Protein backbone atom coordinates (compact mmCIF):
# COMPACT_ATOMS: atom_id res chain seq x y z
CA MET A 1 0.00 0.00 0.00
CA ASP A 2 2.85 2.38 0.79
CA GLN A 3 4.35 1.75 -2.65
CA LEU A 4 1.06 2.73 -4.24
CA LYS A 5 0.91 5.96 -2.23
CA ASN A 6 4.52 6.76 -3.10
CA SER A 7 3.93 6.22 -6.80
CA PHE A 8 1.04 8.71 -6.75
CA ASN A 9 3.07 11.24 -4.79
CA SER A 10 6.06 10.93 -7.12
CA THR A 11 3.91 11.61 -10.19
CA GLY A 12 2.54 14.79 -8.63
CA ASN A 13 -1.03 13.53 -8.56
CA THR A 14 -2.51 14.78 -5.32
CA GLY A 15 -6.02 13.64 -6.07
CA ALA A 16 -7.22 17.18 -6.71
CA VAL A 17 -9.91 17.57 -9.32
CA ASN A 18 -8.93 19.56 -12.40
CA GLN A 19 -11.25 22.58 -12.50
CA GLN A 20 -10.23 24.02 -15.86
CA GLN A 21 -12.93 24.52 -18.44
CA PRO A 22 -12.65 22.91 -21.87
CA ALA A 23 -11.31 24.97 -24.75
CA GLY A 24 -13.98 27.17 -26.29
CA ALA A 25 -16.17 27.23 -23.18
CA GLN A 26 -16.85 30.64 -21.73
CA LYS A 27 -16.30 31.32 -18.09
CA GLU A 28 -19.51 32.41 -16.36
CA ASP A 29 -18.99 35.76 -14.63
CA TYR A 30 -20.96 37.31 -11.75
CA LEU A 31 -23.35 39.18 -14.05
CA ASP A 32 -24.22 35.95 -15.88
CA LYS A 33 -24.74 34.12 -12.59
CA ALA A 34 -26.98 36.90 -11.26
CA PHE A 35 -29.08 36.86 -14.43
CA ASP A 36 -29.40 33.07 -14.31
CA MET A 37 -30.47 33.22 -10.66
CA GLY A 38 -33.04 35.95 -11.37
CA ALA A 39 -34.48 34.05 -14.32
CA LYS A 40 -34.72 30.87 -12.27
CA LYS A 41 -36.35 32.65 -9.31
CA SER A 42 -38.94 34.22 -11.61
CA GLY A 43 -39.76 30.83 -13.09
CA HIS A 44 -38.31 31.43 -16.55
CA GLN A 45 -36.15 28.96 -18.43
CA VAL A 46 -33.56 30.92 -20.44
CA ASP A 47 -31.10 29.24 -22.81
CA ARG A 48 -27.43 29.81 -21.94
CA ASN A 49 -26.70 31.47 -25.30
CA THR A 50 -29.70 33.78 -24.94
CA ALA A 51 -28.70 34.71 -21.41
CA GLU A 52 -25.18 35.49 -22.62
CA LYS A 53 -26.55 37.79 -25.35
CA ILE A 54 -28.78 39.60 -22.85
CA THR A 55 -25.99 40.18 -20.34
CA ASP A 56 -23.59 41.26 -23.10
CA GLY A 57 -26.19 43.76 -24.29
CA ALA A 58 -26.71 45.11 -20.77
CA ARG A 59 -22.95 45.38 -20.34
CA GLY A 60 -22.70 47.31 -23.62
CA LEU A 61 -25.52 49.68 -22.64
CA PHE A 62 -23.86 50.37 -19.29
CA GLU A 63 -20.52 51.11 -20.94
CA LYS A 64 -22.15 53.34 -23.56
CA ALA A 65 -24.20 55.28 -20.98
CA THR A 66 -21.43 55.82 -18.44
CA GLY A 67 -18.33 55.78 -20.63
CA LYS A 68 -16.67 53.41 -18.15
CA GLN A 69 -15.61 49.81 -18.54
CA VAL A 70 -17.34 47.22 -16.35
CA ASN A 71 -15.01 45.99 -13.60
CA SER A 72 -13.28 42.76 -14.65
CA LYS A 73 -14.24 41.17 -11.32
CA ILE A 74 -17.91 41.52 -12.23
CA SER A 75 -17.82 40.88 -15.95
CA ASN A 76 -15.38 39.38 -18.43
C-alpha cells in the first residue's frame, strides 16, 4: 500500500480535481450568474446562449451610458 501511495506522490497527482474549463467554453462571470439566478427565481427557463446575449447587451448599454468599462471582477 505504501508503494502505491509513493507512486502517486512521485507523479505529482494529489487527487485534486482539475477545474479548468474545456477549450472554447466561456467562463460564467458574476453578471451571468446573477441573471441566471433571477431568471430561475422568476420561473423562466432561459437558454445559456440567450442569457449570454442579454448580459452582453446590458454590459454594452452600461458602458455606452457611463463611458466606463465594467469591472473585470464583475464581468469578463
